[in-house]
Amino acid sequence: MPEPILIERLEEAKRCARILELDMSRRTVRAYLIACAIDSDIHINNIGEALNSAIANPGQLLLGAFEKTDLHQKTQLMLDQ
């Protein structure tokens, strides 16, 4: 993902976190913000909804973001061999 798009998505995630009154200094909240920003399957207009859902059930959000990483994709190929 190009850096300007990532920055825009992070800013939107931070804006939504402020609306939801989340403590952005918490490690878990920061992980949710990053996950929302890097998961390109989440449209930028749906980041707030994804973030809100992550509070109750973070697994799906974190897994979706993790699966987008290069390391996961490379390791998945190795596992499939």
PDB file of N, CA and C in Angstrom:
ATOM      1  N   MET A   1       0.857  -1.173   0.000  1.00  0.00           N
ATOM      2  CA  MET A   1       0.000   0.000   0.000  1.00  0.00           C
ATOM      3  C   MET A   1       0.903   1.236   0.000  1.00  0.00           C
ATOM      4  N   PRO A   2       0.631   2.165  -0.892  1.00  0.00           N
ATOM      5  CA  PRO A   2       1.444   3.390  -0.925  1.00  0.00           C
ATOM      6  C   PRO A   2       1.328   4.171   0.393  1.00  0.00           C
ATOM      7  N   GLU A   3       2.431   4.782   0.781  1.00  0.00           N
ATOM      8  CA  GLU A   3       2.489   5.495   2.056  1.00  0.00           C
ATOM      9  C   GLU A   3       1.410   6.575   2.207  1.00  0.00           C
ATOM     10  N   PRO A   4       1.136   7.395   1.176  1.00  0.00           N
ATOM     11  CA  PRO A   4       0.089   8.417   1.352  1.00  0.00           C
ATOM     12  C   PRO A   4      -1.286   7.818   1.669  1.00  0.00           C
ATOM     13  N   ILE A   5      -1.594   6.682   1.071  1.00  0.00           N
ATOM     14  CA  ILE A   5      -2.871   6.025   1.356  1.00  0.00           C
ATOM     15  C   ILE A   5      -2.868   5.470   2.769  1.00  0.00           C
ATOM     16  N   LEU A   6      -1.757   4.877   3.182  1.00  0.00           N
ATOM     17  CA  LEU A   6      -1.651   4.357   4.540  1.00  0.00           C
ATOM     18  C   LEU A   6      -1.811   5.485   5.565  1.00  0.00           C
ATOM     19  N   ILE A   7      -1.194   6.616   5.311  1.00  0.00           N
ATOM     20  CA  ILE A   7      -1.312   7.768   6.215  1.00  0.00           C
ATOM     21  C   ILE A   7      -2.767   8.229   6.294  1.00  0.00           C
ATOM     22  N   GLU A   8      -3.427   8.306   5.149  1.00  0.00           N
ATOM     23  CA  GLU A   8      -4.834   8.711   5.123  1.00  0.00           C
ATOM     24  C   GLU A   8      -5.710   7.738   5.915  1.00  0.00           C
ATOM     25  N   ARG A   9      -5.438   6.457   5.761  1.00  0.00           N
ATOM     26  CA  ARG A   9      -6.214   5.438   6.483  1.00  0.00           C
ATOM     27  C   ARG A   9      -5.928   5.485   7.985  1.00  0.00           C
ATOM     28  N   LEU A  10      -4.675   5.720   8.350  1.00  0.00           N
ATOM     29  CA  LEU A  10      -4.331   5.854   9.770  1.00  0.00           C
ATOM     30  C   LEU A  10      -5.010   7.075  10.386  1.00  0.00           C
ATOM     31  N   GLU A  11      -5.031   8.169   9.666  1.00  0.00           N
ATOM     32  CA  GLU A  11      -5.694   9.377  10.165  1.00  0.00           C
ATOM     33  C   GLU A  11      -7.188   9.124  10.370  1.00  0.00           C
ATOM     34  N   GLU A  12      -7.801   8.403   9.456  1.00  0.00           N
ATOM     35  CA  GLU A  12      -9.219   8.074   9.600  1.00  0.00           C
ATOM     36  C   GLU A  12      -9.437   7.163  10.804  1.00  0.00           C
ATOM     37  N   ALA A  13      -8.551   6.199  10.998  1.00  0.00           N
ATOM     38  CA  ALA A  13      -8.658   5.302  12.155  1.00  0.00           C
ATOM     39  C   ALA A  13      -8.515   6.089  13.461  1.00  0.00           C
ATOM     40  N   LYS A  14      -7.587   7.030  13.487  1.00  0.00           N
ATOM     41  CA  LYS A  14      -7.404   7.858  14.689  1.00  0.00           C
ATOM     42  C   LYS A  14      -8.624   8.737  14.938  1.00  0.00           C
ATOM     43  N   ARG A  15      -9.193   9.288  13.870  1.00  0.00           N
ATOM     44  CA  ARG A  15     -10.392  10.118  13.997  1.00  0.00           C
ATOM     45  C   ARG A  15     -11.536   9.297  14.593  1.00  0.00           C
ATOM     46  N   CYS A  16     -11.701   8.085  14.093  1.00  0.00           N
ATOM     47  CA  CYS A  16     -12.762   7.210  14.599  1.00  0.00           C
ATOM     48  C   CYS A  16     -12.505   6.819  16.056  1.00  0.00           C
ATOM     49  N   ALA A  17     -11.258   6.582  16.406  1.00  0.00           N
ATOM     50  CA  ALA A  17     -10.920   6.226  17.786  1.00  0.00           C
ATOM     51  C   ALA A  17     -11.259   7.371  18.738  1.00  0.00           C
ATOM     52  N   ARG A  18     -11.034   8.595  18.298  1.00  0.00           N
ATOM     53  CA  ARG A  18     -11.394   9.744  19.133  1.00  0.00           C
ATOM     54  C   ARG A  18     -12.907   9.820  19.318  1.00  0.00           C
ATOM     55  N   ILE A  19     -13.655   9.582  18.235  1.00  0.00           N
ATOM     56  CA  ILE A  19     -15.119   9.596  18.327  1.00  0.00           C
ATOM     57  C   ILE A  19     -15.609   8.513  19.290  1.00  0.00           C
ATOM     58  N   LEU A  20     -14.980   7.339  19.206  1.00  0.00           N
ATOM     59  CA  LEU A  20     -15.355   6.223  20.076  1.00  0.00           C
ATOM     60  C   LEU A  20     -14.776   6.363  21.488  1.00  0.00           C
ATOM     61  N   GLU A  21     -14.009   7.439  21.693  1.00  0.00           N
ATOM     62  CA  GLU A  21     -13.368   7.723  22.981  1.00  0.00           C
ATOM     63  C   GLU A  21     -12.476   6.565  23.448  1.00  0.00           C
ATOM     64  N   LEU A  22     -11.695   6.033  22.499  1.00  0.00           N
ATOM     65  CA  LEU A  22     -10.762   4.965  22.821  1.00  0.00           C
ATOM     66  C   LEU A  22      -9.448   5.557  23.305  1.00  0.00           C
ATOM     67  N   ASP A  23      -8.800   4.872  24.204  1.00  0.00           N
ATOM     68  CA  ASP A  23      -7.514   5.303  24.740  1.00  0.00           C
ATOM     69  C   ASP A  23      -6.419   4.852  23.776  1.00  0.00           C
ATOM     70  N   MET A  24      -5.973   5.769  22.924  1.00  0.00           N
ATOM     71  CA  MET A  24      -4.988   5.417  21.899  1.00  0.00           C
ATOM     72  C   MET A  24      -3.593   5.155  22.458  1.00  0.00           C
ATOM     73  N   SER A  25      -3.411   5.295  23.740  1.00  0.00           N
ATOM     74  CA  SER A  25      -2.121   4.948  24.329  1.00  0.00           C
ATOM     75  C   SER A  25      -2.066   3.453  24.688  1.00  0.00           C
ATOM     76  N   ARG A  26      -3.214   2.793  24.672  1.00  0.00           N
ATOM     77  CA  ARG A  26      -3.253   1.350  24.975  1.00  0.00           C
ATOM     78  C   ARG A  26      -2.720   0.549  23.794  1.00  0.00           C
ATOM     79  N   ARG A  27      -1.922  -0.437  24.111  1.00  0.00           N
ATOM     80  CA  ARG A  27      -1.294  -1.270  23.094  1.00  0.00           C
ATOM     81  C   ARG A  27      -2.336  -1.961  22.212  1.00  0.00           C
ATOM     82  N   THR A  28      -3.385  -2.485  22.801  1.00  0.00           N
ATOM     83  CA  THR A  28      -4.405  -3.185  22.023  1.00  0.00           C
ATOM     84  C   THR A  28      -5.129  -2.239  21.073  1.00  0.00           C
ATOM     85  N   VAL A  29      -5.465  -1.056  21.544  1.00  0.00           N
ATOM     86  CA  VAL A  29      -6.155  -0.079  20.690  1.00  0.00           C
ATOM     87  C   VAL A  29      -5.259   0.318  19.534  1.00  0.00           C
ATOM     88  N   ARG A  30      -3.979   0.507  19.792  1.00  0.00           N
ATOM     89  CA  ARG A  30      -3.037   0.858  18.730  1.00  0.00           C
ATOM     90  C   ARG A  30      -2.957  -0.267  17.691  1.00  0.00           C
ATOM     91  N   ALA A  31      -2.993  -1.505  18.147  1.00  0.00           N
ATOM     92  CA  ALA A  31      -2.971  -2.645  17.226  1.00  0.00           C
ATOM     93  C   ALA A  31      -4.224  -2.644  16.353  1.00  0.00           C
ATOM     94  N   TYR A  32      -5.373  -2.318  16.934  1.00  0.00           N
ATOM     95  CA  TYR A  32      -6.617  -2.252  16.163  1.00  0.00           C
ATOM     96  C   TYR A  32      -6.546  -1.139  15.118  1.00  0.00           C
ATOM     97  N   LEU A  33      -5.987   0.000  15.507  1.00  0.00           N
ATOM     98  CA  LEU A  33      -5.855   1.115  14.566  1.00  0.00           C
ATOM     99  C   LEU A  33      -4.977   0.715  13.380  1.00  0.00           C
ATOM    100  N   ILE A  34      -3.879   0.078  13.666  1.00  0.00           N
ATOM    101  CA  ILE A  34      -2.962  -0.368  12.614  1.00  0.00           C
ATOM    102  C   ILE A  34      -3.637  -1.410  11.737  1.00  0.00           C
ATOM    103  N   ALA A  35      -4.328  -2.358  12.365  1.00  0.00           N
ATOM    104  CA  ALA A  35      -5.010  -3.408  11.604  1.00  0.00           C
ATOM    105  C   ALA A  35      -6.046  -2.811  10.649  1.00  0.00           C
ATOM    106  N   CYS A  36      -6.814  -1.845  11.120  1.00  0.00           N
ATOM    107  CA  CYS A  36      -7.806  -1.185  10.262  1.00  0.00           C
ATOM    108  C   CYS A  36      -7.132  -0.468   9.098  1.00  0.00           C
ATOM    109  N   ALA A  37      -6.007   0.138   9.367  1.00  0.00           N
ATOM    110  CA  ALA A  37      -5.310   0.907   8.339  1.00  0.00           C
ATOM    111  C   ALA A  37      -4.680   0.011   7.278  1.00  0.00           C
ATOM    112  N   ILE A  38      -4.115  -1.108   7.671  1.00  0.00           N
ATOM    113  CA  ILE A  38      -3.385  -1.923   6.693  1.00  0.00           C
ATOM    114  C   ILE A  38      -4.252  -2.947   5.976  1.00  0.00           C
ATOM    115  N   ASP A  39      -5.453  -3.204   6.473  1.00  0.00           N
ATOM    116  CA  ASP A  39      -6.320  -4.183   5.814  1.00  0.00           C
ATOM    117  C   ASP A  39      -7.071  -3.497   4.673  1.00  0.00           C
ATOM    118  N   SER A  40      -6.588  -3.692   3.472  1.00  0.00           N
ATOM    119  CA  SER A  40      -7.179  -3.023   2.309  1.00  0.00           C
ATOM    120  C   SER A  40      -8.573  -3.545   1.968  1.00  0.00           C
ATOM    121  N   ASP A  41      -8.997  -4.633   2.576  1.00  0.00           N
ATOM    122  CA  ASP A  41     -10.361  -5.123   2.373  1.00  0.00           C
ATOM    123  C   ASP A  41     -11.380  -4.248   3.103  1.00  0.00           C
ATOM    124  N   ILE A  42     -10.910  -3.455   4.061  1.00  0.00           N
ATOM    125  CA  ILE A  42     -11.784  -2.536   4.783  1.00  0.00           C
ATOM    126  C   ILE A  42     -11.763  -1.202   4.050  1.00  0.00           C
ATOM    127  N   HIS A  43     -12.894  -0.811   3.503  1.00  0.00           N
ATOM    128  CA  HIS A  43     -12.979   0.482   2.814  1.00  0.00           C
ATOM    129  C   HIS A  43     -12.752   1.582   3.844  1.00  0.00           C
ATOM    130  N   ILE A  44     -12.111   2.649   3.424  1.00  0.00           N
ATOM    131  CA  ILE A  44     -11.792   3.742   4.347  1.00  0.00           C
ATOM    132  C   ILE A  44     -13.043   4.268   5.050  1.00  0.00           C
ATOM    133  N   ASN A  45     -14.184   4.239   4.364  1.00  0.00           N
ATOM    134  CA  ASN A  45     -15.426   4.713   4.982  1.00  0.00           C
ATOM    135  C   ASN A  45     -15.978   3.750   6.027  1.00  0.00           C
ATOM    136  N   ASN A  46     -15.424   2.543   6.093  1.00  0.00           N
ATOM    137  CA  ASN A  46     -15.893   1.542   7.053  1.00  0.00           C
ATOM    138  C   ASN A  46     -14.907   1.303   8.192  1.00  0.00           C
ATOM    139  N   ILE A  47     -13.862   2.093   8.258  1.00  0.00           N
ATOM    140  CA  ILE A  47     -12.857   1.904   9.302  1.00  0.00           C
ATOM    141  C   ILE A  47     -13.466   2.073  10.691  1.00  0.00           C
ATOM    142  N   GLY A  48     -14.318   3.055  10.868  1.00  0.00           N
ATOM    143  CA  GLY A  48     -14.946   3.267  12.174  1.00  0.00           C
ATOM    144  C   GLY A  48     -15.770   2.075  12.605  1.00  0.00           C
ATOM    145  N   GLU A  49     -16.528   1.519  11.681  1.00  0.00           N
ATOM    146  CA  GLU A  49     -17.345   0.340  11.981  1.00  0.00           C
ATOM    147  C   GLU A  49     -16.459  -0.854  12.337  1.00  0.00           C
ATOM    148  N   ALA A  50     -15.376  -1.043  11.575  1.00  0.00           N
ATOM    149  CA  ALA A  50     -14.452  -2.146  11.846  1.00  0.00           C
ATOM    150  C   ALA A  50     -13.783  -1.967  13.209  1.00  0.00           C
ATOM    151  N   LEU A  51     -13.421  -0.747  13.514  1.00  0.00           N
ATOM    152  CA  LEU A  51     -12.787  -0.454  14.795  1.00  0.00           C
ATOM    153  C   LEU A  51     -13.750  -0.710  15.944  1.00  0.00           C
ATOM    154  N   ASN A  52     -14.975  -0.287  15.789  1.00  0.00           N
ATOM    155  CA  ASN A  52     -15.984  -0.505  16.812  1.00  0.00           C
ATOM    156  C   ASN A  52     -16.222  -2.004  17.022  1.00  0.00           C
ATOM    157  N   SER A  53     -16.279  -2.764  15.944  1.00  0.00           N
ATOM    158  CA  SER A  53     -16.467  -4.212  16.043  1.00  0.00           C
ATOM    159  C   SER A  53     -15.271  -4.888  16.705  1.00  0.00           C
ATOM    160  N   ALA A  54     -14.087  -4.345  16.464  1.00  0.00           N
ATOM    161  CA  ALA A  54     -12.863  -4.941  17.017  1.00  0.00           C
ATOM    162  C   ALA A  54     -12.838  -4.883  18.535  1.00  0.00           C
ATOM    163  N   ILE A  55     -13.517  -3.896  19.108  1.00  0.00           N
ATOM    164  CA  ILE A  55     -13.532  -3.788  20.570  1.00  0.00           C
ATOM    165  C   ILE A  55     -14.165  -5.037  21.175  1.00  0.00           C
ATOM    166  N   ALA A  56     -15.247  -5.518  20.564  1.00  0.00           N
ATOM    167  CA  ALA A  56     -15.932  -6.700  21.074  1.00  0.00           C
ATOM    168  C   ALA A  56     -15.294  -7.999  20.607  1.00  0.00           C
ATOM    169  N   ASN A  57     -14.790  -8.004  19.371  1.00  0.00           N
ATOM    170  CA  ASN A  57     -14.254  -9.232  18.786  1.00  0.00           C
ATOM    171  C   ASN A  57     -13.059  -8.897  17.893  1.00  0.00           C
ATOM    172  N   PRO A  58     -11.876  -8.763  18.479  1.00  0.00           N
ATOM    173  CA  PRO A  58     -10.708  -8.320  17.707  1.00  0.00           C
ATOM    174  C   PRO A  58     -10.108  -9.376  16.786  1.00  0.00           C
ATOM    175  N   GLY A  59     -10.438 -10.629  16.997  1.00  0.00           N
ATOM    176  CA  GLY A  59      -9.784 -11.698  16.244  1.00  0.00           C
ATOM    177  C   GLY A  59      -9.873 -11.553  14.749  1.00  0.00           C
ATOM    178  N   GLN A  60     -11.060 -11.290  14.233  1.00  0.00           N
ATOM    179  CA  GLN A  60     -11.249 -11.209  12.787  1.00  0.00           C
ATOM    180  C   GLN A  60     -10.474 -10.040  12.191  1.00  0.00           C
ATOM    181  N   LEU A  61     -10.517  -8.892  12.845  1.00  0.00           N
ATOM    182  CA  LEU A  61      -9.789  -7.717  12.362  1.00  0.00           C
ATOM    183  C   LEU A  61      -8.286  -7.981  12.338  1.00  0.00           C
ATOM    184  N   LEU A  62      -7.763  -8.506  13.437  1.00  0.00           N
ATOM    185  CA  LEU A  62      -6.321  -8.740  13.521  1.00  0.00           C
ATOM    186  C   LEU A  62      -5.873  -9.819  12.542  1.00  0.00           C
ATOM    187  N   LEU A  63      -6.674 -10.858  12.386  1.00  0.00           N
ATOM    188  CA  LEU A  63      -6.324 -11.917  11.444  1.00  0.00           C
ATOM    189  C   LEU A  63      -6.322 -11.384  10.011  1.00  0.00           C
ATOM    190  N   GLY A  64      -7.328 -10.576   9.676  1.00  0.00           N
ATOM    191  CA  GLY A  64      -7.390 -10.006   8.326  1.00  0.00           C
ATOM    192  C   GLY A  64      -6.167  -9.168   8.006  1.00  0.00           C
ATOM    193  N   ALA A  65      -5.741  -8.363   8.953  1.00  0.00           N
ATOM    194  CA  ALA A  65      -4.553  -7.527   8.736  1.00  0.00           C
ATOM    195  C   ALA A  65      -3.293  -8.382   8.673  1.00  0.00           C
ATOM    196  N   PHE A  66      -3.209  -9.358   9.555  1.00  0.00           N
ATOM    197  CA  PHE A  66      -2.036 -10.230   9.584  1.00  0.00           C
ATOM    198  C   PHE A  66      -1.883 -10.982   8.264  1.00  0.00           C
ATOM    199  N   GLU A  67      -2.993 -11.437   7.716  1.00  0.00           N
ATOM    200  CA  GLU A  67      -2.931 -12.190   6.465  1.00  0.00           C
ATOM    201  C   GLU A  67      -2.461 -11.334   5.290  1.00  0.00           C
ATOM    202  N   LYS A  68      -2.508 -10.037   5.428  1.00  0.00           N
ATOM    203  CA  LYS A  68      -2.047  -9.142   4.359  1.00  0.00           C
ATOM    204  C   LYS A  68      -0.529  -8.924   4.388  1.00  0.00           C
ATOM    205  N   THR A  69       0.131  -9.333   5.450  1.00  0.00           N
ATOM    206  CA  THR A  69       1.566  -9.074   5.556  1.00  0.00           C
ATOM    207  C   THR A  69       2.367  -9.991   4.637  1.00  0.00           C
ATOM    208  N   ASP A  70       3.491  -9.482   4.176  1.00  0.00           N
ATOM    209  CA  ASP A  70       4.370 -10.275   3.320  1.00  0.00           C
ATOM    210  C   ASP A  70       4.867 -11.515   4.039  1.00  0.00           C
ATOM    211  N   LEU A  71       5.233 -11.364   5.299  1.00  0.00           N
ATOM    212  CA  LEU A  71       5.762 -12.497   6.051  1.00  0.00           C
ATOM    213  C   LEU A  71       4.728 -13.621   6.143  1.00  0.00           C
ATOM    214  N   HIS A  72       3.487 -13.276   6.408  1.00  0.00           N
ATOM    215  CA  HIS A  72       2.436 -14.303   6.474  1.00  0.00           C
ATOM    216  C   HIS A  72       2.283 -14.994   5.131  1.00  0.00           C
ATOM    217  N   GLN A  73       2.258 -14.222   4.063  1.00  0.00           N
ATOM    218  CA  GLN A  73       2.056 -14.804   2.736  1.00  0.00           C
ATOM    219  C   GLN A  73       3.215 -15.720   2.347  1.00  0.00           C
ATOM    220  N   LYS A  74       4.437 -15.316   2.654  1.00  0.00           N
ATOM    221  CA  LYS A  74       5.603 -16.156   2.351  1.00  0.00           C
ATOM    222  C   LYS A  74       5.570 -17.439   3.180  1.00  0.00           C
ATOM    223  N   THR A  75       5.239 -17.307   4.458  1.00  0.00           N
ATOM    224  CA  THR A  75       5.185 -18.466   5.340  1.00  0.00           C
ATOM    225  C   THR A  75       4.063 -19.397   4.936  1.00  0.00           C
ATOM    226  N   GLN A  76       2.938 -18.851   4.493  1.00  0.00           N
ATOM    227  CA  GLN A  76       1.818 -19.674   4.034  1.00  0.00           C
ATOM    228  C   GLN A  76       2.244 -20.540   2.854  1.00  0.00           C
ATOM    229  N   LEU A  77       3.014 -19.956   1.930  1.00  0.00           N
ATOM    230  CA  LEU A  77       3.512 -20.725   0.786  1.00  0.00           C
ATOM    231  C   LEU A  77       4.421 -21.854   1.255  1.00  0.00           C
ATOM    232  N   MET A  78       5.264 -21.585   2.233  1.00  0.00           N
ATOM    233  CA  MET A  78       6.160 -22.621   2.767  1.00  0.00           C
ATOM    234  C   MET A  78       5.363 -23.728   3.442  1.00  0.00           C
ATOM    235  N   LEU A  79       4.334 -23.339   4.154  1.00  0.00           N
ATOM    236  CA  LEU A  79       3.490 -24.311   4.868  1.00  0.00           C
ATOM    237  C   LEU A  79       2.767 -25.213   3.874  1.00  0.00           C
ATOM    238  N   ASP A  80       2.378 -24.648   2.751  1.00  0.00           N
ATOM    239  CA  ASP A  80       1.631 -25.410   1.744  1.00  0.00           C
ATOM    240  C   ASP A  80       2.496 -26.392   0.959  1.00  0.00           C
ATOM    241  N   GLN A  81       3.816 -26.296   1.071  1.00  0.00           N
ATOM    242  CA  GLN A  81       4.699 -27.167   0.308  1.00  0.00           C
ATOM    243  C   GLN A  81       4.758 -28.544   0.924  1.00  0.00           C
TER     244      GLN A  81
END
